[in-house]
Amino acid sequence: MNTPIVIGGVSAPDSELARKAASIVERAHNKSMLYHVHRSWWFAEFLGKKRGLKYDRELVYLAAVMHDLGLTDQFGADNRFEVDGADAAHCLLTESGYDESKAQRVWEAIALHSSLGIADRLTPETCLVCLGAHVDVFGMNIAEITPSLIDETIGRYPRLGFKSAFQQAIAEVARKKPHLAVGTGLVDVAHRHVSGFTCANVCDLIDSAPFES
């Protein structure tokens, strides 16, 4: 049996379902993205403890480690990548006998993990998954986490060129589904990394609505 990961004296959830989720993401992601989702969990955990929140640790773990499944070839489908990942996680969890109401909360946390300003006003679990991911991608709220915990987390899960890997993963989604990039941060990534990228301008969509004014 694998020994649970411990950082700063805190153990990651080690239930059978947590181990199954970890195995799924290990197969689905490259190392750079894999380590990102694990760092996102740890940063979510540290923020949750710092803020004194009460939350379901296993639920946050499951949502955090699976939050980018929609960026993978295996689980990407026809929706926004956040929704593709949420759908995949919900299916995997319910097929494993996870409680339906909890699976729906995992779905919400993953579907809204990029929606800062919305997710952080909802349940503690949804809030933490969003915040944990934003620490790792943008460094937001990093001052709330003890520097030694940041160092220990990155030591256990190195970044391995994550900034570039993440932008390339986002760019690939925008390349495949440009119509779903409208109004999202995917547009910025695609304009920089996808040759010839075009998508509708929101102003044009408003102006072309079938109304006089």
N, C-alpha and C. Protein backbone atom coordinates (compact mmCIF):
# COMPACT_ATOMS: atom_id res chain seq x y z
N MET A 1 0.84 -1.19 0.00
CA MET A 1 0.00 0.00 0.00
C MET A 1 0.88 1.25 0.00
N ASN A 2 0.54 2.24 -0.85
CA ASN A 2 1.31 3.46 -0.90
C ASN A 2 1.14 4.28 0.37
N THR A 3 2.21 4.93 0.78
CA THR A 3 2.15 5.79 1.94
C THR A 3 1.55 7.13 1.54
N PRO A 4 0.56 7.65 2.29
CA PRO A 4 -0.04 8.95 1.95
C PRO A 4 1.01 10.05 1.89
N ILE A 5 0.84 10.98 0.97
CA ILE A 5 1.73 12.13 0.87
C ILE A 5 1.49 13.05 2.06
N VAL A 6 2.57 13.50 2.68
CA VAL A 6 2.48 14.42 3.82
C VAL A 6 3.31 15.66 3.51
N ILE A 7 2.71 16.83 3.64
CA ILE A 7 3.40 18.10 3.48
C ILE A 7 3.04 18.99 4.66
N GLY A 8 4.05 19.51 5.32
CA GLY A 8 3.80 20.38 6.47
C GLY A 8 3.04 19.69 7.57
N GLY A 9 3.23 18.38 7.70
CA GLY A 9 2.53 17.63 8.74
C GLY A 9 1.10 17.28 8.39
N VAL A 10 0.66 17.61 7.19
CA VAL A 10 -0.70 17.34 6.74
C VAL A 10 -0.69 16.20 5.73
N SER A 11 -1.58 15.23 5.92
CA SER A 11 -1.67 14.10 4.99
C SER A 11 -2.76 14.34 3.95
N ALA A 12 -2.47 14.00 2.72
CA ALA A 12 -3.50 14.07 1.68
C ALA A 12 -4.53 12.96 1.91
N PRO A 13 -5.78 13.15 1.50
CA PRO A 13 -6.78 12.08 1.59
C PRO A 13 -6.26 10.81 0.92
N ASP A 14 -6.53 9.68 1.53
CA ASP A 14 -5.97 8.42 1.03
C ASP A 14 -7.03 7.32 0.98
N SER A 15 -8.27 7.71 0.72
CA SER A 15 -9.33 6.71 0.58
C SER A 15 -9.14 5.96 -0.73
N GLU A 16 -9.86 4.87 -0.88
CA GLU A 16 -9.79 4.10 -2.13
C GLU A 16 -10.17 4.98 -3.32
N LEU A 17 -11.17 5.83 -3.14
CA LEU A 17 -11.61 6.69 -4.23
C LEU A 17 -10.57 7.77 -4.53
N ALA A 18 -9.94 8.30 -3.50
CA ALA A 18 -8.88 9.30 -3.72
C ALA A 18 -7.73 8.68 -4.50
N ARG A 19 -7.37 7.45 -4.16
CA ARG A 19 -6.28 6.79 -4.88
C ARG A 19 -6.68 6.50 -6.32
N LYS A 20 -7.95 6.16 -6.53
CA LYS A 20 -8.43 5.91 -7.90
C LYS A 20 -8.37 7.19 -8.72
N ALA A 21 -8.79 8.31 -8.15
CA ALA A 21 -8.74 9.59 -8.86
C ALA A 21 -7.31 9.96 -9.19
N ALA A 22 -6.41 9.75 -8.25
CA ALA A 22 -4.99 10.05 -8.49
C ALA A 22 -4.44 9.20 -9.62
N SER A 23 -4.86 7.95 -9.69
CA SER A 23 -4.41 7.05 -10.75
C SER A 23 -4.94 7.49 -12.10
N ILE A 24 -6.21 7.94 -12.13
CA ILE A 24 -6.82 8.39 -13.39
C ILE A 24 -6.07 9.60 -13.94
N VAL A 25 -5.81 10.57 -13.09
CA VAL A 25 -5.14 11.79 -13.59
C VAL A 25 -3.69 11.51 -13.95
N GLU A 26 -3.08 10.55 -13.28
CA GLU A 26 -1.70 10.20 -13.62
C GLU A 26 -1.61 9.65 -15.03
N ARG A 27 -2.62 8.90 -15.44
CA ARG A 27 -2.64 8.34 -16.79
C ARG A 27 -3.06 9.38 -17.83
N ALA A 28 -3.88 10.34 -17.43
CA ALA A 28 -4.45 11.29 -18.39
C ALA A 28 -3.54 12.47 -18.69
N HIS A 29 -2.76 12.91 -17.70
CA HIS A 29 -1.96 14.13 -17.84
C HIS A 29 -0.49 13.83 -18.07
N ASN A 30 0.18 14.79 -18.72
CA ASN A 30 1.64 14.75 -18.71
C ASN A 30 2.12 15.19 -17.32
N LYS A 31 3.41 15.02 -17.04
CA LYS A 31 3.92 15.28 -15.69
C LYS A 31 3.69 16.74 -15.26
N SER A 32 3.88 17.67 -16.18
CA SER A 32 3.73 19.07 -15.83
C SER A 32 2.30 19.38 -15.38
N MET A 33 1.32 18.91 -16.12
CA MET A 33 -0.07 19.15 -15.75
C MET A 33 -0.49 18.32 -14.54
N LEU A 34 0.05 17.11 -14.45
CA LEU A 34 -0.24 16.26 -13.30
C LEU A 34 0.18 16.94 -12.00
N TYR A 35 1.38 17.46 -12.00
CA TYR A 35 1.87 18.11 -10.78
C TYR A 35 1.09 19.39 -10.48
N HIS A 36 0.59 20.05 -11.52
CA HIS A 36 -0.24 21.24 -11.31
C HIS A 36 -1.49 20.90 -10.51
N VAL A 37 -2.19 19.83 -10.90
CA VAL A 37 -3.45 19.52 -10.20
C VAL A 37 -3.18 19.11 -8.77
N HIS A 38 -2.06 18.44 -8.53
CA HIS A 38 -1.73 18.09 -7.14
C HIS A 38 -1.35 19.33 -6.33
N ARG A 39 -0.57 20.23 -6.93
CA ARG A 39 -0.25 21.46 -6.22
C ARG A 39 -1.52 22.25 -5.92
N SER A 40 -2.46 22.23 -6.85
CA SER A 40 -3.72 22.95 -6.65
C SER A 40 -4.46 22.42 -5.42
N TRP A 41 -4.44 21.11 -5.25
CA TRP A 41 -5.06 20.54 -4.05
C TRP A 41 -4.37 21.03 -2.79
N TRP A 42 -3.05 20.96 -2.76
CA TRP A 42 -2.34 21.37 -1.55
C TRP A 42 -2.55 22.84 -1.25
N PHE A 43 -2.53 23.68 -2.28
CA PHE A 43 -2.74 25.10 -2.03
C PHE A 43 -4.16 25.37 -1.55
N ALA A 44 -5.13 24.62 -2.09
CA ALA A 44 -6.51 24.73 -1.60
C ALA A 44 -6.58 24.34 -0.13
N GLU A 45 -5.91 23.27 0.22
CA GLU A 45 -5.91 22.79 1.61
C GLU A 45 -5.28 23.83 2.54
N PHE A 46 -4.16 24.38 2.15
CA PHE A 46 -3.49 25.36 3.00
C PHE A 46 -4.34 26.62 3.19
N LEU A 47 -5.00 27.06 2.11
CA LEU A 47 -5.87 28.23 2.22
C LEU A 47 -7.09 27.92 3.09
N GLY A 48 -7.64 26.72 2.93
CA GLY A 48 -8.78 26.34 3.74
C GLY A 48 -8.46 26.36 5.23
N LYS A 49 -7.31 25.83 5.56
CA LYS A 49 -6.90 25.82 6.97
C LYS A 49 -6.59 27.23 7.45
N LYS A 50 -5.91 28.02 6.62
CA LYS A 50 -5.56 29.39 7.00
C LYS A 50 -6.81 30.21 7.27
N ARG A 51 -7.83 30.01 6.48
CA ARG A 51 -9.07 30.78 6.61
C ARG A 51 -10.06 30.18 7.59
N GLY A 52 -9.72 29.02 8.14
CA GLY A 52 -10.59 28.38 9.13
C GLY A 52 -11.90 27.88 8.55
N LEU A 53 -11.88 27.46 7.29
CA LEU A 53 -13.10 26.98 6.65
C LEU A 53 -13.42 25.55 7.06
N LYS A 54 -14.68 25.21 7.05
CA LYS A 54 -15.12 23.84 7.28
C LYS A 54 -15.53 23.26 5.93
N TYR A 55 -14.88 22.16 5.55
CA TYR A 55 -15.13 21.61 4.22
C TYR A 55 -14.83 20.13 4.20
N ASP A 56 -15.35 19.47 3.18
CA ASP A 56 -15.14 18.05 2.96
C ASP A 56 -13.79 17.89 2.26
N ARG A 57 -12.77 17.45 2.97
CA ARG A 57 -11.42 17.38 2.43
C ARG A 57 -11.34 16.43 1.24
N GLU A 58 -11.99 15.29 1.35
CA GLU A 58 -11.93 14.33 0.26
C GLU A 58 -12.59 14.91 -0.99
N LEU A 59 -13.69 15.62 -0.82
CA LEU A 59 -14.39 16.20 -1.96
C LEU A 59 -13.50 17.24 -2.64
N VAL A 60 -12.85 18.09 -1.85
CA VAL A 60 -11.94 19.08 -2.43
C VAL A 60 -10.79 18.39 -3.16
N TYR A 61 -10.28 17.33 -2.55
CA TYR A 61 -9.18 16.58 -3.19
C TYR A 61 -9.63 16.01 -4.53
N LEU A 62 -10.77 15.36 -4.55
CA LEU A 62 -11.26 14.74 -5.79
C LEU A 62 -11.46 15.78 -6.87
N ALA A 63 -12.08 16.90 -6.51
CA ALA A 63 -12.32 17.95 -7.50
C ALA A 63 -11.03 18.60 -7.95
N ALA A 64 -10.12 18.84 -7.02
CA ALA A 64 -8.87 19.52 -7.37
C ALA A 64 -8.00 18.67 -8.30
N VAL A 65 -7.85 17.39 -7.98
CA VAL A 65 -6.96 16.58 -8.81
C VAL A 65 -7.57 16.27 -10.18
N MET A 66 -8.89 16.34 -10.29
CA MET A 66 -9.53 16.05 -11.57
C MET A 66 -9.98 17.32 -12.30
N HIS A 67 -9.61 18.51 -11.80
CA HIS A 67 -10.22 19.73 -12.34
C HIS A 67 -9.80 20.04 -13.77
N ASP A 68 -8.71 19.48 -14.27
CA ASP A 68 -8.28 19.76 -15.64
C ASP A 68 -8.41 18.57 -16.58
N LEU A 69 -9.25 17.61 -16.23
CA LEU A 69 -9.45 16.47 -17.13
C LEU A 69 -9.95 16.93 -18.50
N GLY A 70 -10.68 18.03 -18.54
CA GLY A 70 -11.21 18.53 -19.80
C GLY A 70 -10.16 19.05 -20.75
N LEU A 71 -8.91 19.19 -20.26
CA LEU A 71 -7.81 19.61 -21.13
C LEU A 71 -7.07 18.42 -21.74
N THR A 72 -7.50 17.20 -21.42
CA THR A 72 -6.80 16.01 -21.91
C THR A 72 -7.49 15.43 -23.14
N ASP A 73 -6.73 14.70 -23.93
CA ASP A 73 -7.30 14.04 -25.11
C ASP A 73 -8.35 13.02 -24.70
N GLN A 74 -8.12 12.35 -23.59
CA GLN A 74 -9.01 11.28 -23.16
C GLN A 74 -10.38 11.78 -22.74
N PHE A 75 -10.43 12.92 -22.07
CA PHE A 75 -11.69 13.37 -21.49
C PHE A 75 -12.25 14.65 -22.11
N GLY A 76 -11.51 15.29 -22.98
CA GLY A 76 -12.04 16.46 -23.66
C GLY A 76 -13.17 16.06 -24.60
N ALA A 77 -14.26 16.84 -24.59
CA ALA A 77 -15.41 16.51 -25.44
C ALA A 77 -15.84 17.77 -26.20
N ASP A 78 -17.12 18.09 -26.20
CA ASP A 78 -17.63 19.16 -27.06
C ASP A 78 -18.03 20.43 -26.32
N ASN A 79 -17.79 20.46 -25.01
CA ASN A 79 -18.19 21.60 -24.21
C ASN A 79 -16.96 22.42 -23.81
N ARG A 80 -17.18 23.49 -23.04
CA ARG A 80 -16.05 24.18 -22.45
C ARG A 80 -15.21 23.17 -21.69
N PHE A 81 -13.89 23.35 -21.64
CA PHE A 81 -13.06 22.32 -21.02
C PHE A 81 -13.41 22.13 -19.56
N GLU A 82 -13.85 23.19 -18.88
CA GLU A 82 -14.23 23.04 -17.48
C GLU A 82 -15.43 22.09 -17.32
N VAL A 83 -16.38 22.20 -18.24
CA VAL A 83 -17.57 21.35 -18.19
C VAL A 83 -17.24 19.92 -18.62
N ASP A 84 -16.39 19.78 -19.63
CA ASP A 84 -15.95 18.43 -20.01
C ASP A 84 -15.30 17.73 -18.82
N GLY A 85 -14.44 18.43 -18.10
CA GLY A 85 -13.78 17.84 -16.94
C GLY A 85 -14.77 17.51 -15.84
N ALA A 86 -15.72 18.42 -15.63
CA ALA A 86 -16.74 18.19 -14.60
C ALA A 86 -17.60 16.97 -14.94
N ASP A 87 -17.99 16.87 -16.20
CA ASP A 87 -18.80 15.72 -16.63
C ASP A 87 -18.03 14.41 -16.44
N ALA A 88 -16.76 14.42 -16.84
CA ALA A 88 -15.95 13.21 -16.71
C ALA A 88 -15.80 12.80 -15.25
N ALA A 89 -15.50 13.76 -14.40
CA ALA A 89 -15.32 13.45 -12.97
C ALA A 89 -16.61 12.94 -12.36
N HIS A 90 -17.73 13.57 -12.68
CA HIS A 90 -19.02 13.13 -12.15
C HIS A 90 -19.30 11.68 -12.56
N CYS A 91 -19.05 11.37 -13.82
CA CYS A 91 -19.28 10.01 -14.32
C CYS A 91 -18.38 9.01 -13.62
N LEU A 92 -17.10 9.34 -13.51
CA LEU A 92 -16.15 8.44 -12.86
C LEU A 92 -16.52 8.19 -11.41
N LEU A 93 -16.96 9.23 -10.73
CA LEU A 93 -17.29 9.09 -9.31
C LEU A 93 -18.56 8.29 -9.10
N THR A 94 -19.60 8.59 -9.86
CA THR A 94 -20.85 7.86 -9.66
C THR A 94 -20.72 6.40 -10.06
N GLU A 95 -19.91 6.14 -11.09
CA GLU A 95 -19.67 4.74 -11.47
C GLU A 95 -18.93 3.99 -10.37
N SER A 96 -18.23 4.73 -9.51
CA SER A 96 -17.49 4.12 -8.40
C SER A 96 -18.31 4.08 -7.11
N GLY A 97 -19.59 4.47 -7.20
CA GLY A 97 -20.47 4.40 -6.04
C GLY A 97 -20.44 5.61 -5.13
N TYR A 98 -19.84 6.70 -5.61
CA TYR A 98 -19.79 7.93 -4.82
C TYR A 98 -21.19 8.52 -4.71
N ASP A 99 -21.49 9.12 -3.58
CA ASP A 99 -22.80 9.72 -3.34
C ASP A 99 -23.14 10.75 -4.43
N GLU A 100 -24.34 10.67 -4.96
CA GLU A 100 -24.74 11.54 -6.08
C GLU A 100 -24.69 13.02 -5.71
N SER A 101 -25.14 13.35 -4.51
CA SER A 101 -25.13 14.76 -4.13
C SER A 101 -23.70 15.29 -4.01
N LYS A 102 -22.79 14.46 -3.53
CA LYS A 102 -21.39 14.87 -3.46
C LYS A 102 -20.78 14.95 -4.85
N ALA A 103 -21.15 14.00 -5.72
CA ALA A 103 -20.65 14.03 -7.09
C ALA A 103 -21.08 15.31 -7.80
N GLN A 104 -22.29 15.76 -7.50
CA GLN A 104 -22.77 17.01 -8.10
C GLN A 104 -21.98 18.20 -7.57
N ARG A 105 -21.57 18.15 -6.32
CA ARG A 105 -20.74 19.24 -5.76
C ARG A 105 -19.35 19.23 -6.38
N VAL A 106 -18.82 18.04 -6.67
CA VAL A 106 -17.55 17.95 -7.40
C VAL A 106 -17.73 18.55 -8.79
N TRP A 107 -18.84 18.22 -9.43
CA TRP A 107 -19.12 18.77 -10.77
C TRP A 107 -19.10 20.29 -10.72
N GLU A 108 -19.77 20.86 -9.76
CA GLU A 108 -19.83 22.33 -9.64
C GLU A 108 -18.45 22.92 -9.42
N ALA A 109 -17.67 22.30 -8.54
CA ALA A 109 -16.34 22.83 -8.23
C ALA A 109 -15.44 22.82 -9.45
N ILE A 110 -15.54 21.77 -10.26
CA ILE A 110 -14.70 21.69 -11.46
C ILE A 110 -15.23 22.62 -12.55
N ALA A 111 -16.53 22.62 -12.77
CA ALA A 111 -17.12 23.44 -13.82
C ALA A 111 -16.85 24.93 -13.60
N LEU A 112 -16.74 25.34 -12.33
CA LEU A 112 -16.57 26.75 -12.02
C LEU A 112 -15.16 27.10 -11.55
N HIS A 113 -14.21 26.18 -11.72
CA HIS A 113 -12.90 26.43 -11.12
C HIS A 113 -12.17 27.61 -11.74
N SER A 114 -12.53 28.00 -12.95
CA SER A 114 -11.89 29.16 -13.58
C SER A 114 -12.69 30.44 -13.37
N SER A 115 -13.82 30.33 -12.67
CA SER A 115 -14.75 31.46 -12.54
C SER A 115 -14.54 32.20 -11.22
N LEU A 116 -13.39 32.82 -11.08
CA LEU A 116 -13.12 33.63 -9.90
C LEU A 116 -14.13 34.77 -9.84
N GLY A 117 -14.66 35.02 -8.65
CA GLY A 117 -15.70 36.02 -8.50
C GLY A 117 -17.07 35.39 -8.44
N ILE A 118 -17.17 34.13 -8.86
CA ILE A 118 -18.41 33.35 -8.73
C ILE A 118 -18.15 32.18 -7.79
N ALA A 119 -17.15 31.35 -8.14
CA ALA A 119 -16.86 30.16 -7.35
C ALA A 119 -16.55 30.50 -5.90
N ASP A 120 -15.84 31.60 -5.67
CA ASP A 120 -15.45 31.94 -4.31
C ASP A 120 -16.61 32.49 -3.49
N ARG A 121 -17.80 32.62 -4.09
CA ARG A 121 -19.00 33.03 -3.35
C ARG A 121 -19.92 31.85 -3.07
N LEU A 122 -19.50 30.66 -3.47
CA LEU A 122 -20.36 29.48 -3.31
C LEU A 122 -19.88 28.63 -2.14
N THR A 123 -20.00 27.31 -2.25
CA THR A 123 -19.64 26.44 -1.13
C THR A 123 -18.14 26.51 -0.85
N PRO A 124 -17.71 26.18 0.37
CA PRO A 124 -16.27 26.19 0.66
C PRO A 124 -15.49 25.29 -0.30
N GLU A 125 -16.07 24.16 -0.66
CA GLU A 125 -15.37 23.25 -1.56
C GLU A 125 -15.16 23.86 -2.95
N THR A 126 -16.21 24.46 -3.51
CA THR A 126 -16.10 25.10 -4.82
C THR A 126 -15.12 26.27 -4.76
N CYS A 127 -15.22 27.04 -3.70
CA CYS A 127 -14.31 28.17 -3.50
C CYS A 127 -12.87 27.71 -3.45
N LEU A 128 -12.58 26.68 -2.69
CA LEU A 128 -11.19 26.25 -2.49
C LEU A 128 -10.57 25.66 -3.76
N VAL A 129 -11.34 24.92 -4.52
CA VAL A 129 -10.79 24.37 -5.76
C VAL A 129 -10.39 25.51 -6.70
N CYS A 130 -11.24 26.50 -6.80
CA CYS A 130 -10.94 27.68 -7.62
C CYS A 130 -9.71 28.40 -7.09
N LEU A 131 -9.68 28.66 -5.81
CA LEU A 131 -8.56 29.41 -5.23
C LEU A 131 -7.24 28.63 -5.34
N GLY A 132 -7.29 27.32 -5.10
CA GLY A 132 -6.08 26.51 -5.19
C GLY A 132 -5.48 26.55 -6.58
N ALA A 133 -6.34 26.45 -7.60
CA ALA A 133 -5.86 26.50 -8.98
C ALA A 133 -5.29 27.88 -9.31
N HIS A 134 -5.93 28.93 -8.81
CA HIS A 134 -5.47 30.29 -9.09
C HIS A 134 -4.15 30.62 -8.39
N VAL A 135 -3.91 30.00 -7.24
CA VAL A 135 -2.59 30.17 -6.63
C VAL A 135 -1.52 29.64 -7.58
N ASP A 136 -1.75 28.45 -8.12
CA ASP A 136 -0.72 27.79 -8.91
C ASP A 136 -0.54 28.42 -10.28
N VAL A 137 -1.61 28.94 -10.87
CA VAL A 137 -1.51 29.51 -12.22
C VAL A 137 -1.05 30.96 -12.18
N PHE A 138 -1.62 31.75 -11.27
CA PHE A 138 -1.36 33.19 -11.25
C PHE A 138 -0.63 33.69 -10.01
N GLY A 139 -0.47 32.82 -9.01
CA GLY A 139 0.13 33.27 -7.76
C GLY A 139 -0.82 34.06 -6.88
N MET A 140 -2.10 34.02 -7.17
CA MET A 140 -3.07 34.79 -6.40
C MET A 140 -3.18 34.25 -4.97
N ASN A 141 -3.25 35.14 -4.01
CA ASN A 141 -3.38 34.79 -2.59
C ASN A 141 -2.20 34.00 -2.03
N ILE A 142 -1.09 33.98 -2.76
CA ILE A 142 0.04 33.17 -2.31
C ILE A 142 0.61 33.67 -0.99
N ALA A 143 0.40 34.95 -0.69
CA ALA A 143 0.91 35.51 0.56
C ALA A 143 0.23 34.90 1.79
N GLU A 144 -0.91 34.26 1.58
CA GLU A 144 -1.63 33.63 2.70
C GLU A 144 -1.02 32.28 3.08
N ILE A 145 -0.17 31.75 2.23
CA ILE A 145 0.39 30.43 2.47
C ILE A 145 1.84 30.57 2.95
N THR A 146 2.18 29.88 4.02
CA THR A 146 3.53 29.93 4.57
C THR A 146 4.56 29.56 3.50
N PRO A 147 5.58 30.39 3.29
CA PRO A 147 6.57 30.12 2.23
C PRO A 147 7.18 28.74 2.29
N SER A 148 7.40 28.20 3.48
CA SER A 148 7.99 26.86 3.58
C SER A 148 7.04 25.80 3.02
N LEU A 149 5.72 26.04 3.13
CA LEU A 149 4.75 25.09 2.57
C LEU A 149 4.74 25.17 1.05
N ILE A 150 4.90 26.39 0.53
CA ILE A 150 5.03 26.55 -0.92
C ILE A 150 6.25 25.79 -1.42
N ASP A 151 7.37 25.99 -0.74
CA ASP A 151 8.62 25.34 -1.16
C ASP A 151 8.51 23.83 -1.07
N GLU A 152 7.90 23.33 -0.01
CA GLU A 152 7.78 21.88 0.17
C GLU A 152 6.86 21.28 -0.89
N THR A 153 5.79 21.99 -1.21
CA THR A 153 4.85 21.51 -2.22
C THR A 153 5.52 21.46 -3.59
N ILE A 154 6.25 22.51 -3.94
CA ILE A 154 6.93 22.53 -5.23
C ILE A 154 8.08 21.53 -5.26
N GLY A 155 8.69 21.29 -4.12
CA GLY A 155 9.73 20.26 -4.05
C GLY A 155 9.16 18.88 -4.32
N ARG A 156 7.95 18.64 -3.83
CA ARG A 156 7.31 17.33 -4.04
C ARG A 156 6.71 17.23 -5.44
N TYR A 157 6.18 18.37 -5.93
CA TYR A 157 5.55 18.40 -7.26
C TYR A 157 6.17 19.55 -8.06
N PRO A 158 7.34 19.32 -8.66
CA PRO A 158 8.05 20.39 -9.38
C PRO A 158 7.22 20.98 -10.52
N ARG A 159 7.50 22.23 -10.86
CA ARG A 159 6.69 22.91 -11.87
C ARG A 159 7.00 22.43 -13.29
N LEU A 160 8.22 22.05 -13.59
CA LEU A 160 8.56 21.39 -14.87
C LEU A 160 8.06 22.16 -16.09
N GLY A 161 8.32 23.47 -16.11
CA GLY A 161 7.88 24.26 -17.25
C GLY A 161 6.38 24.41 -17.33
N PHE A 162 5.73 24.48 -16.19
CA PHE A 162 4.26 24.48 -16.16
C PHE A 162 3.65 25.66 -16.91
N LYS A 163 4.23 26.85 -16.79
CA LYS A 163 3.63 28.01 -17.44
C LYS A 163 3.44 27.76 -18.93
N SER A 164 4.45 27.23 -19.58
CA SER A 164 4.36 26.94 -21.01
C SER A 164 3.40 25.78 -21.27
N ALA A 165 3.51 24.72 -20.47
CA ALA A 165 2.65 23.54 -20.68
C ALA A 165 1.18 23.89 -20.53
N PHE A 166 0.86 24.72 -19.56
CA PHE A 166 -0.53 25.10 -19.34
C PHE A 166 -1.06 25.93 -20.49
N GLN A 167 -0.27 26.89 -20.95
CA GLN A 167 -0.70 27.71 -22.07
C GLN A 167 -0.89 26.88 -23.33
N GLN A 168 -0.03 25.89 -23.54
CA GLN A 168 -0.17 25.04 -24.72
C GLN A 168 -1.44 24.18 -24.63
N ALA A 169 -1.77 23.70 -23.42
CA ALA A 169 -2.98 22.91 -23.24
C ALA A 169 -4.22 23.75 -23.51
N ILE A 170 -4.21 24.98 -23.01
CA ILE A 170 -5.33 25.88 -23.25
C ILE A 170 -5.43 26.24 -24.73
N ALA A 171 -4.29 26.49 -25.34
CA ALA A 171 -4.27 26.85 -26.77
C ALA A 171 -4.85 25.74 -27.62
N GLU A 172 -4.55 24.49 -27.28
CA GLU A 172 -5.06 23.36 -28.06
C GLU A 172 -6.58 23.29 -27.97
N VAL A 173 -7.13 23.56 -26.79
CA VAL A 173 -8.59 23.58 -26.64
C VAL A 173 -9.19 24.70 -27.49
N ALA A 174 -8.57 25.88 -27.44
CA ALA A 174 -9.08 27.00 -28.23
C ALA A 174 -8.99 26.71 -29.72
N ARG A 175 -7.93 26.02 -30.14
CA ARG A 175 -7.78 25.67 -31.55
C ARG A 175 -8.90 24.74 -32.00
N LYS A 176 -9.24 23.78 -31.15
CA LYS A 176 -10.26 22.79 -31.50
C LYS A 176 -11.68 23.35 -31.39
N LYS A 177 -11.90 24.25 -30.40
CA LYS A 177 -13.26 24.75 -30.14
C LYS A 177 -13.26 26.27 -30.02
N PRO A 178 -12.91 26.98 -31.10
CA PRO A 178 -12.80 28.43 -31.02
C PRO A 178 -14.11 29.12 -30.63
N HIS A 179 -15.23 28.52 -30.99
CA HIS A 179 -16.53 29.14 -30.68
C HIS A 179 -16.79 29.17 -29.18
N LEU A 180 -16.11 28.29 -28.43
CA LEU A 180 -16.30 28.26 -26.98
C LEU A 180 -15.29 29.13 -26.24
N ALA A 181 -14.38 29.71 -27.00
CA ALA A 181 -13.38 30.59 -26.38
C ALA A 181 -13.91 32.00 -26.20
N VAL A 182 -14.98 32.34 -26.89
CA VAL A 182 -15.52 33.70 -26.84
C VAL A 182 -15.82 34.11 -25.40
N GLY A 183 -15.31 35.26 -25.01
CA GLY A 183 -15.60 35.78 -23.68
C GLY A 183 -14.81 35.14 -22.56
N THR A 184 -13.78 34.35 -22.88
CA THR A 184 -12.98 33.68 -21.86
C THR A 184 -11.51 34.03 -22.04
N GLY A 185 -10.72 33.63 -21.05
CA GLY A 185 -9.28 33.85 -21.13
C GLY A 185 -8.61 33.03 -22.21
N LEU A 186 -9.33 32.04 -22.75
CA LEU A 186 -8.75 31.23 -23.82
C LEU A 186 -8.41 32.10 -25.04
N VAL A 187 -9.15 33.18 -25.23
CA VAL A 187 -8.90 34.05 -26.38
C VAL A 187 -7.50 34.62 -26.31
N ASP A 188 -7.09 35.10 -25.13
CA ASP A 188 -5.75 35.69 -24.99
C ASP A 188 -4.67 34.66 -25.30
N VAL A 189 -4.84 33.45 -24.77
CA VAL A 189 -3.86 32.40 -25.00
C VAL A 189 -3.81 32.04 -26.49
N ALA A 190 -4.97 31.90 -27.10
CA ALA A 190 -5.03 31.49 -28.50
C ALA A 190 -4.41 32.54 -29.43
N HIS A 191 -4.67 33.80 -29.16
CA HIS A 191 -4.09 34.84 -30.02
C HIS A 191 -2.56 34.81 -29.96
N ARG A 192 -2.03 34.38 -28.85
CA ARG A 192 -0.58 34.34 -28.71
C ARG A 192 0.02 33.04 -29.23
N HIS A 193 -0.72 31.93 -29.13
CA HIS A 193 -0.12 30.62 -29.39
C HIS A 193 -0.72 29.83 -30.54
N VAL A 194 -1.84 30.29 -31.10
CA VAL A 194 -2.49 29.55 -32.20
C VAL A 194 -2.42 30.39 -33.46
N SER A 195 -1.64 29.93 -34.42
CA SER A 195 -1.47 30.67 -35.67
C SER A 195 -2.80 30.84 -36.40
N GLY A 196 -3.13 32.08 -36.78
CA GLY A 196 -4.34 32.34 -37.54
C GLY A 196 -5.62 32.24 -36.74
N PHE A 197 -5.53 32.22 -35.42
CA PHE A 197 -6.73 32.06 -34.59
C PHE A 197 -7.70 33.22 -34.79
N THR A 198 -8.96 32.87 -34.97
CA THR A 198 -10.02 33.87 -35.01
C THR A 198 -11.23 33.33 -34.25
N CYS A 199 -11.95 34.22 -33.64
CA CYS A 199 -13.24 33.86 -33.05
C CYS A 199 -14.08 35.13 -33.02
N ALA A 200 -15.35 34.97 -32.83
CA ALA A 200 -16.25 36.11 -32.86
C ALA A 200 -15.91 37.11 -31.75
N ASN A 201 -16.04 38.40 -32.08
CA ASN A 201 -15.91 39.45 -31.08
C ASN A 201 -17.26 39.64 -30.40
N VAL A 202 -17.26 39.77 -29.08
CA VAL A 202 -18.51 39.89 -28.35
C VAL A 202 -19.32 41.09 -28.84
N CYS A 203 -18.63 42.18 -29.17
CA CYS A 203 -19.34 43.36 -29.68
C CYS A 203 -20.09 43.03 -30.97
N ASP A 204 -19.45 42.26 -31.85
CA ASP A 204 -20.09 41.87 -33.10
C ASP A 204 -21.31 40.97 -32.84
N LEU A 205 -21.19 40.09 -31.88
CA LEU A 205 -22.31 39.22 -31.55
C LEU A 205 -23.51 40.03 -31.04
N ILE A 206 -23.21 41.05 -30.23
CA ILE A 206 -24.30 41.92 -29.73
C ILE A 206 -24.92 42.68 -30.89
N ASP A 207 -24.07 43.27 -31.74
CA ASP A 207 -24.58 44.08 -32.85
C ASP A 207 -25.38 43.26 -33.85
N SER A 208 -25.08 41.98 -33.97
CA SER A 208 -25.77 41.14 -34.95
C SER A 208 -27.02 40.46 -34.38
N ALA A 209 -27.33 40.74 -33.13
CA ALA A 209 -28.56 40.18 -32.55
C ALA A 209 -29.76 40.69 -33.33
N PRO A 210 -30.80 39.87 -33.50
CA PRO A 210 -31.92 40.21 -34.41
C PRO A 210 -32.91 41.21 -33.81
N PHE A 211 -32.39 42.34 -33.36
CA PHE A 211 -33.22 43.40 -32.80
C PHE A 211 -32.78 44.74 -33.38
N GLU A 212 -33.69 45.69 -33.39
CA GLU A 212 -33.39 46.99 -33.99
C GLU A 212 -32.31 47.75 -33.22
N SER A 213 -32.32 47.64 -31.89
CA SER A 213 -31.35 48.37 -31.09
C SER A 213 -31.05 47.63 -29.80
